[in-house]
Amino acid sequence: MLYRVSHALVCALFVALLVGSIPKGSLAQAPNPPKPGVNQADEAAILERILNRVRFENDGTEVSETEAVMLIQSQAGVEEFGQLIFGYSSATENLDVEYVRVRKPDGQVVVTPESTAQDFAPDVLKEAPMYSDYRQRHISVVALRPGDTLEYRTVTRTLTPLAPGNFWYEHTFPKGIVVHEDRLEIDVPNRAK
């Protein structure tokens, strides 16, 4: 019983410190409107929406889901996002790319088949060989053209925790691209079980 109270108190203090350190207004759910004078038509691509959900279990396993919707505005956007790369640890994780699809301006949907996916060791491991279970899944997006909307969903399951009974998470928000909506949801278990 004492553990349950102290754990709840520690979590509450952590959340209070975290929320207290975030500038007011940055917790809003609605996306920020574009700044006046910023011409988004010149952007190669715009990330309309990205949602990251992470659920941890008491045993240290986790499930991470990512859904993204991206407007491709130019040939530079096609070149940048025509091949998607997702990283994972092959020894402890299972990566499922549930879908990669392109929505054409006329409403037609073109699905990229799973057969286009290939797993590779990253280039850095080729240049400086050492053992690593880190892999990258490369997916060549079918029929991507300027004006299309690219959508994908991935699910990564940590099946073997590195430290059983413990969990941690690191997230990097998108950089170098206009983002209209970016959401991160983290679900942690009740440790008092």
N, C-alpha and C. Protein backbone atom coordinates (compact mmCIF):
# COMPACT_ATOMS: atom_id res chain seq x y z
N MET A 1 0.82 -1.20 0.00
CA MET A 1 0.00 0.00 0.00
C MET A 1 0.86 1.26 0.00
N LEU A 2 1.93 1.23 0.79
CA LEU A 2 2.83 2.37 0.82
C LEU A 2 3.45 2.61 -0.56
N TYR A 3 3.79 1.53 -1.27
CA TYR A 3 4.36 1.65 -2.61
C TYR A 3 3.39 2.34 -3.55
N ARG A 4 2.12 1.98 -3.47
CA ARG A 4 1.11 2.56 -4.36
C ARG A 4 1.01 4.06 -4.14
N VAL A 5 0.98 4.50 -2.90
CA VAL A 5 0.86 5.93 -2.60
C VAL A 5 2.12 6.66 -3.05
N SER A 6 3.30 6.13 -2.73
CA SER A 6 4.53 6.82 -3.08
C SER A 6 4.71 6.87 -4.60
N HIS A 7 4.33 5.80 -5.30
CA HIS A 7 4.44 5.80 -6.76
C HIS A 7 3.51 6.86 -7.36
N ALA A 8 2.30 6.94 -6.85
CA ALA A 8 1.34 7.94 -7.34
C ALA A 8 1.84 9.35 -7.05
N LEU A 9 2.42 9.54 -5.87
CA LEU A 9 2.93 10.85 -5.50
C LEU A 9 4.10 11.24 -6.40
N VAL A 10 5.01 10.31 -6.66
CA VAL A 10 6.14 10.59 -7.54
C VAL A 10 5.65 10.92 -8.95
N CYS A 11 4.70 10.16 -9.45
CA CYS A 11 4.14 10.43 -10.80
C CYS A 11 3.49 11.81 -10.84
N ALA A 12 2.72 12.14 -9.81
CA ALA A 12 2.04 13.44 -9.77
C ALA A 12 3.05 14.58 -9.73
N LEU A 13 4.11 14.43 -8.94
CA LEU A 13 5.14 15.47 -8.89
C LEU A 13 5.85 15.61 -10.23
N PHE A 14 6.15 14.48 -10.87
CA PHE A 14 6.81 14.52 -12.17
C PHE A 14 5.94 15.24 -13.20
N VAL A 15 4.66 14.89 -13.24
CA VAL A 15 3.74 15.54 -14.19
C VAL A 15 3.63 17.03 -13.88
N ALA A 16 3.54 17.38 -12.59
CA ALA A 16 3.43 18.79 -12.22
C ALA A 16 4.68 19.56 -12.65
N LEU A 17 5.85 18.98 -12.44
CA LEU A 17 7.09 19.63 -12.87
C LEU A 17 7.15 19.75 -14.38
N LEU A 18 6.76 18.69 -15.06
CA LEU A 18 6.78 18.69 -16.51
C LEU A 18 5.83 19.74 -17.07
N VAL A 19 4.59 19.75 -16.59
CA VAL A 19 3.59 20.70 -17.09
C VAL A 19 3.99 22.12 -16.71
N GLY A 20 4.57 22.30 -15.53
CA GLY A 20 5.00 23.62 -15.10
C GLY A 20 6.13 24.17 -15.95
N SER A 21 6.91 23.31 -16.57
CA SER A 21 8.04 23.76 -17.39
C SER A 21 7.65 24.02 -18.84
N ILE A 22 6.43 23.68 -19.23
CA ILE A 22 5.98 23.88 -20.61
C ILE A 22 5.35 25.26 -20.71
N PRO A 23 5.74 26.06 -21.70
CA PRO A 23 5.16 27.39 -21.84
C PRO A 23 3.65 27.32 -22.03
N LYS A 24 2.95 28.30 -21.45
CA LYS A 24 1.49 28.34 -21.59
C LYS A 24 1.10 28.42 -23.05
N GLY A 25 0.04 27.71 -23.41
CA GLY A 25 -0.45 27.72 -24.78
C GLY A 25 0.14 26.61 -25.64
N SER A 26 1.24 25.98 -25.17
CA SER A 26 1.83 24.94 -26.01
C SER A 26 1.14 23.60 -25.85
N LEU A 27 0.18 23.48 -24.94
CA LEU A 27 -0.55 22.24 -24.74
C LEU A 27 -1.85 22.20 -25.54
N ALA A 28 -2.11 23.20 -26.34
CA ALA A 28 -3.35 23.26 -27.10
C ALA A 28 -3.44 22.10 -28.08
N GLN A 29 -4.66 21.59 -28.28
CA GLN A 29 -4.89 20.48 -29.20
C GLN A 29 -4.96 20.94 -30.65
N ALA A 30 -5.48 22.12 -30.87
CA ALA A 30 -5.68 22.59 -32.24
C ALA A 30 -4.35 22.94 -32.88
N PRO A 31 -4.17 22.61 -34.17
CA PRO A 31 -2.93 22.97 -34.84
C PRO A 31 -2.81 24.47 -34.97
N ASN A 32 -1.58 24.96 -34.98
CA ASN A 32 -1.36 26.39 -35.14
C ASN A 32 -1.60 26.77 -36.59
N PRO A 33 -2.34 27.87 -36.83
CA PRO A 33 -2.53 28.31 -38.21
C PRO A 33 -1.21 28.81 -38.78
N PRO A 34 -1.06 28.74 -40.09
CA PRO A 34 0.18 29.23 -40.70
C PRO A 34 0.37 30.71 -40.39
N LYS A 35 1.62 31.12 -40.20
CA LYS A 35 1.92 32.52 -39.92
C LYS A 35 1.64 33.33 -41.18
N PRO A 36 1.10 34.55 -41.02
CA PRO A 36 0.87 35.40 -42.18
C PRO A 36 2.19 35.64 -42.91
N GLY A 37 2.16 35.61 -44.21
CA GLY A 37 3.34 35.85 -45.02
C GLY A 37 4.17 34.62 -45.30
N VAL A 38 3.84 33.49 -44.66
CA VAL A 38 4.57 32.25 -44.92
C VAL A 38 3.89 31.53 -46.07
N ASN A 39 4.62 31.33 -47.15
CA ASN A 39 4.05 30.69 -48.32
C ASN A 39 4.34 29.20 -48.28
N GLN A 40 3.35 28.41 -47.87
CA GLN A 40 3.55 26.97 -47.77
C GLN A 40 3.52 26.29 -49.13
N ALA A 41 3.12 27.00 -50.16
CA ALA A 41 3.10 26.41 -51.50
C ALA A 41 4.51 26.11 -52.00
N ASP A 42 5.51 26.76 -51.41
CA ASP A 42 6.90 26.53 -51.81
C ASP A 42 7.52 25.32 -51.11
N GLU A 43 6.83 24.74 -50.16
CA GLU A 43 7.35 23.59 -49.43
C GLU A 43 7.28 22.34 -50.30
N ALA A 44 8.30 21.48 -50.19
CA ALA A 44 8.31 20.22 -50.95
C ALA A 44 7.20 19.30 -50.48
N ALA A 45 6.94 19.31 -49.16
CA ALA A 45 5.89 18.46 -48.58
C ALA A 45 5.40 19.12 -47.29
N ILE A 46 4.19 18.81 -46.92
CA ILE A 46 3.62 19.29 -45.67
C ILE A 46 3.08 18.09 -44.91
N LEU A 47 3.50 17.96 -43.66
CA LEU A 47 3.01 16.89 -42.80
C LEU A 47 1.68 17.37 -42.22
N GLU A 48 0.59 16.91 -42.82
CA GLU A 48 -0.74 17.35 -42.38
C GLU A 48 -1.05 16.85 -40.98
N ARG A 49 -0.68 15.58 -40.71
CA ARG A 49 -1.00 15.00 -39.40
C ARG A 49 -0.05 13.85 -39.12
N ILE A 50 0.46 13.81 -37.90
CA ILE A 50 1.22 12.65 -37.45
C ILE A 50 0.79 12.35 -36.02
N LEU A 51 0.50 11.09 -35.78
CA LEU A 51 0.06 10.64 -34.46
C LEU A 51 0.97 9.51 -34.02
N ASN A 52 1.58 9.66 -32.87
CA ASN A 52 2.41 8.62 -32.27
C ASN A 52 1.76 8.19 -30.97
N ARG A 53 1.46 6.89 -30.85
CA ARG A 53 0.90 6.33 -29.63
C ARG A 53 1.87 5.28 -29.10
N VAL A 54 2.16 5.33 -27.81
CA VAL A 54 3.04 4.36 -27.19
C VAL A 54 2.34 3.81 -25.95
N ARG A 55 2.26 2.49 -25.85
CA ARG A 55 1.65 1.85 -24.68
C ARG A 55 2.67 0.91 -24.05
N PHE A 56 2.95 1.12 -22.77
CA PHE A 56 3.89 0.29 -22.03
C PHE A 56 3.14 -0.69 -21.16
N GLU A 57 3.76 -1.84 -20.92
CA GLU A 57 3.21 -2.85 -20.02
C GLU A 57 4.14 -2.99 -18.82
N ASN A 58 3.61 -3.54 -17.72
CA ASN A 58 4.41 -3.70 -16.51
C ASN A 58 5.65 -4.57 -16.71
N ASP A 59 5.61 -5.50 -17.66
CA ASP A 59 6.76 -6.39 -17.86
C ASP A 59 7.88 -5.75 -18.69
N GLY A 60 7.67 -4.51 -19.17
CA GLY A 60 8.68 -3.82 -19.95
C GLY A 60 8.47 -3.88 -21.45
N THR A 61 7.45 -4.62 -21.89
CA THR A 61 7.15 -4.64 -23.32
C THR A 61 6.38 -3.37 -23.69
N GLU A 62 6.31 -3.11 -24.99
CA GLU A 62 5.60 -1.90 -25.43
C GLU A 62 5.09 -2.09 -26.85
N VAL A 63 4.12 -1.25 -27.19
CA VAL A 63 3.60 -1.17 -28.56
C VAL A 63 3.64 0.30 -28.96
N SER A 64 4.31 0.60 -30.07
CA SER A 64 4.40 1.96 -30.60
C SER A 64 3.72 2.00 -31.95
N GLU A 65 2.77 2.92 -32.10
CA GLU A 65 2.03 3.07 -33.36
C GLU A 65 2.29 4.46 -33.93
N THR A 66 2.47 4.55 -35.23
CA THR A 66 2.62 5.83 -35.90
C THR A 66 1.70 5.88 -37.11
N GLU A 67 0.94 6.95 -37.21
CA GLU A 67 0.09 7.21 -38.39
C GLU A 67 0.48 8.58 -38.93
N ALA A 68 0.68 8.67 -40.23
CA ALA A 68 1.07 9.94 -40.83
C ALA A 68 0.29 10.19 -42.11
N VAL A 69 -0.01 11.46 -42.34
CA VAL A 69 -0.66 11.92 -43.57
C VAL A 69 0.15 13.12 -44.05
N MET A 70 0.67 13.02 -45.29
CA MET A 70 1.58 14.02 -45.80
C MET A 70 1.19 14.44 -47.21
N LEU A 71 1.11 15.75 -47.43
CA LEU A 71 0.82 16.29 -48.76
C LEU A 71 2.14 16.51 -49.49
N ILE A 72 2.29 15.87 -50.64
CA ILE A 72 3.50 16.01 -51.45
C ILE A 72 3.23 17.11 -52.48
N GLN A 73 4.02 18.18 -52.44
CA GLN A 73 3.72 19.36 -53.25
C GLN A 73 4.62 19.55 -54.46
N SER A 74 5.75 18.83 -54.52
CA SER A 74 6.67 19.06 -55.64
C SER A 74 7.47 17.79 -55.90
N GLN A 75 8.26 17.84 -56.98
CA GLN A 75 9.12 16.71 -57.30
C GLN A 75 10.16 16.48 -56.20
N ALA A 76 10.59 17.56 -55.56
CA ALA A 76 11.53 17.43 -54.44
C ALA A 76 10.89 16.62 -53.30
N GLY A 77 9.60 16.80 -53.07
CA GLY A 77 8.87 16.02 -52.06
C GLY A 77 8.78 14.56 -52.46
N VAL A 78 8.59 14.30 -53.74
CA VAL A 78 8.55 12.92 -54.24
C VAL A 78 9.91 12.27 -54.01
N GLU A 79 10.97 12.98 -54.31
CA GLU A 79 12.32 12.43 -54.13
C GLU A 79 12.64 12.19 -52.66
N GLU A 80 12.18 13.09 -51.80
CA GLU A 80 12.47 12.94 -50.37
C GLU A 80 11.66 11.83 -49.72
N PHE A 81 10.40 11.66 -50.11
CA PHE A 81 9.51 10.71 -49.44
C PHE A 81 9.09 9.54 -50.32
N GLY A 82 9.70 9.41 -51.48
CA GLY A 82 9.40 8.29 -52.37
C GLY A 82 9.90 6.96 -51.86
N GLN A 83 10.83 7.02 -50.91
CA GLN A 83 11.26 5.80 -50.23
C GLN A 83 11.22 6.08 -48.73
N LEU A 84 10.37 5.33 -48.03
CA LEU A 84 10.24 5.47 -46.59
C LEU A 84 11.18 4.49 -45.91
N ILE A 85 11.79 4.93 -44.81
CA ILE A 85 12.71 4.08 -44.06
C ILE A 85 12.29 4.07 -42.60
N PHE A 86 12.05 2.86 -42.08
CA PHE A 86 11.64 2.68 -40.69
C PHE A 86 12.68 1.81 -39.99
N GLY A 87 13.17 2.26 -38.84
CA GLY A 87 14.18 1.51 -38.11
C GLY A 87 13.59 0.69 -36.98
N TYR A 88 14.25 -0.43 -36.66
CA TYR A 88 13.82 -1.28 -35.55
C TYR A 88 14.95 -2.22 -35.16
N SER A 89 14.84 -2.80 -33.98
CA SER A 89 15.81 -3.77 -33.48
C SER A 89 15.27 -5.17 -33.76
N SER A 90 15.93 -5.90 -34.63
CA SER A 90 15.41 -7.22 -35.05
C SER A 90 15.46 -8.26 -33.94
N ALA A 91 16.31 -8.09 -32.93
CA ALA A 91 16.42 -9.07 -31.86
C ALA A 91 15.31 -8.93 -30.81
N THR A 92 14.78 -7.72 -30.65
CA THR A 92 13.80 -7.49 -29.58
C THR A 92 12.46 -6.95 -30.05
N GLU A 93 12.38 -6.51 -31.32
CA GLU A 93 11.17 -5.86 -31.80
C GLU A 93 10.63 -6.52 -33.06
N ASN A 94 9.35 -6.30 -33.27
CA ASN A 94 8.67 -6.73 -34.49
C ASN A 94 8.05 -5.49 -35.12
N LEU A 95 8.41 -5.19 -36.36
CA LEU A 95 7.88 -4.02 -37.07
C LEU A 95 6.86 -4.47 -38.10
N ASP A 96 5.66 -3.93 -38.00
CA ASP A 96 4.62 -4.16 -39.01
C ASP A 96 4.32 -2.83 -39.69
N VAL A 97 4.46 -2.79 -41.00
CA VAL A 97 4.03 -1.62 -41.77
C VAL A 97 2.64 -2.00 -42.26
N GLU A 98 1.63 -1.47 -41.58
CA GLU A 98 0.26 -1.89 -41.87
C GLU A 98 -0.22 -1.40 -43.23
N TYR A 99 0.18 -0.20 -43.59
CA TYR A 99 -0.13 0.27 -44.94
C TYR A 99 0.75 1.45 -45.31
N VAL A 100 1.01 1.55 -46.60
CA VAL A 100 1.58 2.72 -47.24
C VAL A 100 0.70 2.92 -48.46
N ARG A 101 0.09 4.09 -48.54
CA ARG A 101 -0.82 4.32 -49.67
C ARG A 101 -0.74 5.77 -50.12
N VAL A 102 -1.13 5.97 -51.37
CA VAL A 102 -1.12 7.29 -52.00
C VAL A 102 -2.55 7.62 -52.40
N ARG A 103 -3.02 8.78 -51.95
CA ARG A 103 -4.34 9.28 -52.37
C ARG A 103 -4.10 10.33 -53.46
N LYS A 104 -4.67 10.05 -54.61
CA LYS A 104 -4.56 10.96 -55.75
C LYS A 104 -5.58 12.10 -55.58
N PRO A 105 -5.35 13.24 -56.22
CA PRO A 105 -6.30 14.35 -56.10
C PRO A 105 -7.73 13.99 -56.54
N ASP A 106 -7.89 13.01 -57.44
CA ASP A 106 -9.23 12.61 -57.89
C ASP A 106 -9.89 11.60 -56.94
N GLY A 107 -9.21 11.25 -55.83
CA GLY A 107 -9.78 10.32 -54.85
C GLY A 107 -9.31 8.88 -55.00
N GLN A 108 -8.66 8.55 -56.09
CA GLN A 108 -8.14 7.20 -56.29
C GLN A 108 -7.07 6.91 -55.23
N VAL A 109 -7.06 5.67 -54.72
CA VAL A 109 -6.08 5.25 -53.73
C VAL A 109 -5.19 4.16 -54.33
N VAL A 110 -3.89 4.37 -54.26
CA VAL A 110 -2.92 3.39 -54.74
C VAL A 110 -2.16 2.85 -53.54
N VAL A 111 -2.29 1.56 -53.29
CA VAL A 111 -1.64 0.92 -52.14
C VAL A 111 -0.29 0.36 -52.58
N THR A 112 0.73 0.65 -51.79
CA THR A 112 2.06 0.08 -52.03
C THR A 112 2.07 -1.33 -51.47
N PRO A 113 2.34 -2.34 -52.30
CA PRO A 113 2.32 -3.72 -51.80
C PRO A 113 3.48 -3.99 -50.85
N GLU A 114 3.27 -4.93 -49.93
CA GLU A 114 4.30 -5.32 -48.97
C GLU A 114 5.55 -5.84 -49.67
N SER A 115 5.40 -6.36 -50.86
CA SER A 115 6.53 -6.95 -51.57
C SER A 115 7.61 -5.93 -51.91
N THR A 116 7.31 -4.63 -51.84
CA THR A 116 8.34 -3.62 -52.12
C THR A 116 9.25 -3.39 -50.93
N ALA A 117 8.90 -3.91 -49.75
CA ALA A 117 9.70 -3.69 -48.54
C ALA A 117 10.94 -4.57 -48.55
N GLN A 118 12.06 -3.97 -48.13
CA GLN A 118 13.32 -4.69 -47.99
C GLN A 118 13.98 -4.25 -46.70
N ASP A 119 14.54 -5.22 -45.96
CA ASP A 119 15.25 -4.92 -44.72
C ASP A 119 16.74 -4.91 -44.97
N PHE A 120 17.41 -3.88 -44.44
CA PHE A 120 18.85 -3.72 -44.60
C PHE A 120 19.48 -3.33 -43.27
N ALA A 121 20.77 -3.59 -43.15
CA ALA A 121 21.56 -2.98 -42.08
C ALA A 121 21.84 -1.55 -42.52
N PRO A 122 21.87 -0.59 -41.60
CA PRO A 122 22.16 0.79 -42.00
C PRO A 122 23.55 0.91 -42.63
N ASP A 123 23.72 1.92 -43.47
CA ASP A 123 24.99 2.13 -44.16
C ASP A 123 26.17 2.28 -43.20
N VAL A 124 25.93 2.89 -42.04
CA VAL A 124 27.03 3.09 -41.09
C VAL A 124 27.61 1.75 -40.64
N LEU A 125 26.80 0.70 -40.58
CA LEU A 125 27.31 -0.62 -40.19
C LEU A 125 28.12 -1.26 -41.31
N LYS A 126 27.85 -0.85 -42.55
CA LYS A 126 28.64 -1.36 -43.67
C LYS A 126 30.02 -0.72 -43.69
N GLU A 127 30.09 0.55 -43.30
CA GLU A 127 31.36 1.28 -43.30
C GLU A 127 32.22 0.92 -42.10
N ALA A 128 31.61 0.71 -40.95
CA ALA A 128 32.33 0.35 -39.72
C ALA A 128 31.69 -0.92 -39.18
N PRO A 129 32.04 -2.08 -39.75
CA PRO A 129 31.36 -3.32 -39.38
C PRO A 129 31.49 -3.65 -37.89
N MET A 130 30.37 -3.96 -37.31
CA MET A 130 30.28 -4.45 -35.94
C MET A 130 28.94 -5.13 -35.80
N TYR A 131 28.79 -5.91 -34.75
CA TYR A 131 27.51 -6.59 -34.58
C TYR A 131 26.45 -5.59 -34.16
N SER A 132 25.33 -5.64 -34.80
CA SER A 132 24.17 -4.86 -34.40
C SER A 132 22.93 -5.54 -34.95
N ASP A 133 21.87 -5.53 -34.16
CA ASP A 133 20.61 -6.09 -34.62
C ASP A 133 19.71 -5.00 -35.18
N TYR A 134 20.23 -3.77 -35.28
CA TYR A 134 19.43 -2.66 -35.81
C TYR A 134 19.26 -2.85 -37.31
N ARG A 135 18.02 -2.74 -37.76
CA ARG A 135 17.69 -2.89 -39.17
C ARG A 135 16.83 -1.71 -39.61
N GLN A 136 16.81 -1.50 -40.91
CA GLN A 136 15.96 -0.49 -41.52
C GLN A 136 15.10 -1.15 -42.58
N ARG A 137 13.81 -0.89 -42.53
CA ARG A 137 12.91 -1.39 -43.57
C ARG A 137 12.70 -0.26 -44.57
N HIS A 138 13.10 -0.52 -45.81
CA HIS A 138 12.97 0.45 -46.90
C HIS A 138 11.74 0.07 -47.72
N ILE A 139 10.89 1.06 -47.96
CA ILE A 139 9.68 0.82 -48.75
C ILE A 139 9.62 1.86 -49.86
N SER A 140 9.64 1.39 -51.10
CA SER A 140 9.52 2.29 -52.25
C SER A 140 8.04 2.55 -52.50
N VAL A 141 7.64 3.81 -52.37
CA VAL A 141 6.24 4.18 -52.50
C VAL A 141 5.83 4.15 -53.97
N VAL A 142 4.75 3.45 -54.25
CA VAL A 142 4.26 3.28 -55.62
C VAL A 142 3.42 4.49 -56.03
N ALA A 143 3.67 4.98 -57.24
CA ALA A 143 2.83 5.98 -57.91
C ALA A 143 2.77 7.33 -57.21
N LEU A 144 3.81 7.73 -56.49
CA LEU A 144 3.81 9.01 -55.78
C LEU A 144 4.19 10.13 -56.75
N ARG A 145 3.35 11.17 -56.81
CA ARG A 145 3.55 12.31 -57.69
C ARG A 145 3.21 13.60 -56.92
N PRO A 146 3.71 14.75 -57.40
CA PRO A 146 3.32 16.02 -56.78
C PRO A 146 1.80 16.18 -56.80
N GLY A 147 1.24 16.67 -55.70
CA GLY A 147 -0.20 16.82 -55.56
C GLY A 147 -0.86 15.66 -54.84
N ASP A 148 -0.14 14.57 -54.63
CA ASP A 148 -0.68 13.39 -53.95
C ASP A 148 -0.56 13.54 -52.44
N THR A 149 -1.35 12.73 -51.73
CA THR A 149 -1.27 12.64 -50.28
C THR A 149 -0.73 11.26 -49.94
N LEU A 150 0.36 11.22 -49.19
CA LEU A 150 0.99 9.98 -48.75
C LEU A 150 0.51 9.66 -47.34
N GLU A 151 0.08 8.42 -47.12
CA GLU A 151 -0.38 7.98 -45.81
C GLU A 151 0.33 6.68 -45.45
N TYR A 152 0.71 6.55 -44.18
CA TYR A 152 1.27 5.28 -43.72
C TYR A 152 0.95 5.06 -42.25
N ARG A 153 1.01 3.78 -41.87
CA ARG A 153 0.79 3.40 -40.47
C ARG A 153 1.75 2.26 -40.14
N THR A 154 2.49 2.42 -39.05
CA THR A 154 3.40 1.38 -38.59
C THR A 154 3.08 1.01 -37.15
N VAL A 155 3.36 -0.23 -36.80
CA VAL A 155 3.23 -0.71 -35.42
C VAL A 155 4.50 -1.47 -35.08
N THR A 156 5.18 -1.01 -34.04
CA THR A 156 6.40 -1.68 -33.56
C THR A 156 6.10 -2.25 -32.19
N ARG A 157 6.32 -3.55 -32.05
CA ARG A 157 6.09 -4.23 -30.77
C ARG A 157 7.43 -4.66 -30.19
N THR A 158 7.70 -4.23 -28.96
CA THR A 158 8.88 -4.71 -28.24
C THR A 158 8.46 -5.99 -27.55
N LEU A 159 8.97 -7.11 -28.04
CA LEU A 159 8.58 -8.42 -27.53
C LEU A 159 9.49 -8.89 -26.40
N THR A 160 10.74 -8.46 -26.44
CA THR A 160 11.71 -8.82 -25.41
C THR A 160 12.27 -7.54 -24.82
N PRO A 161 11.84 -7.17 -23.62
CA PRO A 161 12.34 -5.93 -23.03
C PRO A 161 13.83 -6.03 -22.69
N LEU A 162 14.55 -4.93 -22.87
CA LEU A 162 15.97 -4.91 -22.53
C LEU A 162 16.17 -4.99 -21.02
N ALA A 163 15.27 -4.40 -20.27
CA ALA A 163 15.32 -4.45 -18.80
C ALA A 163 13.92 -4.82 -18.33
N PRO A 164 13.64 -6.12 -18.15
CA PRO A 164 12.29 -6.54 -17.76
C PRO A 164 11.77 -5.77 -16.55
N GLY A 165 10.50 -5.36 -16.65
CA GLY A 165 9.87 -4.61 -15.57
C GLY A 165 10.15 -3.11 -15.61
N ASN A 166 10.91 -2.65 -16.60
CA ASN A 166 11.23 -1.23 -16.73
C ASN A 166 10.89 -0.78 -18.14
N PHE A 167 10.69 0.53 -18.29
CA PHE A 167 10.43 1.06 -19.62
C PHE A 167 10.90 2.51 -19.69
N TRP A 168 11.20 2.96 -20.90
CA TRP A 168 11.60 4.32 -21.16
C TRP A 168 11.27 4.61 -22.61
N TYR A 169 11.31 5.89 -22.96
CA TYR A 169 10.92 6.27 -24.32
C TYR A 169 11.62 7.57 -24.71
N GLU A 170 12.02 7.64 -25.95
CA GLU A 170 12.61 8.85 -26.51
C GLU A 170 11.84 9.19 -27.78
N HIS A 171 11.47 10.44 -27.93
CA HIS A 171 10.71 10.86 -29.10
C HIS A 171 11.37 12.09 -29.70
N THR A 172 11.48 12.11 -31.01
CA THR A 172 11.99 13.27 -31.72
C THR A 172 10.87 13.82 -32.59
N PHE A 173 10.54 15.07 -32.39
CA PHE A 173 9.51 15.69 -33.21
C PHE A 173 10.08 16.00 -34.59
N PRO A 174 9.22 16.00 -35.63
CA PRO A 174 9.71 16.23 -37.00
C PRO A 174 10.42 17.58 -37.14
N LYS A 175 11.49 17.56 -37.90
CA LYS A 175 12.25 18.79 -38.17
C LYS A 175 12.40 18.95 -39.68
N GLY A 176 12.50 20.17 -40.14
CA GLY A 176 12.76 20.43 -41.54
C GLY A 176 11.55 20.27 -42.44
N ILE A 177 10.36 20.23 -41.85
CA ILE A 177 9.13 20.10 -42.64
C ILE A 177 8.01 20.86 -41.92
N VAL A 178 7.11 21.45 -42.68
CA VAL A 178 5.95 22.12 -42.09
C VAL A 178 5.03 21.05 -41.53
N VAL A 179 4.60 21.23 -40.27
CA VAL A 179 3.73 20.26 -39.59
C VAL A 179 2.47 20.98 -39.14
N HIS A 180 1.32 20.49 -39.57
CA HIS A 180 0.06 21.09 -39.14
C HIS A 180 -0.45 20.51 -37.83
N GLU A 181 -0.29 19.21 -37.64
CA GLU A 181 -0.73 18.58 -36.39
C GLU A 181 0.23 17.46 -36.03
N ASP A 182 0.73 17.51 -34.79
CA ASP A 182 1.64 16.48 -34.30
C ASP A 182 1.18 16.10 -32.90
N ARG A 183 0.80 14.84 -32.71
CA ARG A 183 0.30 14.38 -31.42
C ARG A 183 1.15 13.22 -30.93
N LEU A 184 1.41 13.22 -29.63
CA LEU A 184 2.13 12.14 -28.97
C LEU A 184 1.30 11.71 -27.78
N GLU A 185 0.93 10.43 -27.74
CA GLU A 185 0.14 9.86 -26.64
C GLU A 185 0.96 8.75 -26.00
N ILE A 186 1.17 8.84 -24.69
CA ILE A 186 1.93 7.84 -23.95
C ILE A 186 1.05 7.25 -22.87
N ASP A 187 0.92 5.92 -22.88
CA ASP A 187 0.08 5.19 -21.91
C ASP A 187 1.01 4.33 -21.06
N VAL A 188 1.09 4.68 -19.76
CA VAL A 188 1.95 3.91 -18.85
C VAL A 188 1.08 3.10 -17.92
N PRO A 189 1.56 1.94 -17.48
CA PRO A 189 0.75 1.08 -16.64
C PRO A 189 0.73 1.53 -15.18
N ASN A 190 -0.26 1.01 -14.47
CA ASN A 190 -0.33 1.19 -13.02
C ASN A 190 0.64 0.19 -12.42
N ARG A 191 1.70 0.65 -11.80
CA ARG A 191 2.75 -0.22 -11.28
C ARG A 191 2.33 -0.96 -10.01
N ALA A 192 1.17 -0.67 -9.47
CA ALA A 192 0.77 -1.26 -8.19
C ALA A 192 0.16 -2.64 -8.34
N LYS A 193 0.28 -3.25 -9.48
CA LYS A 193 -0.34 -4.58 -9.68
C LYS A 193 0.49 -5.67 -9.07
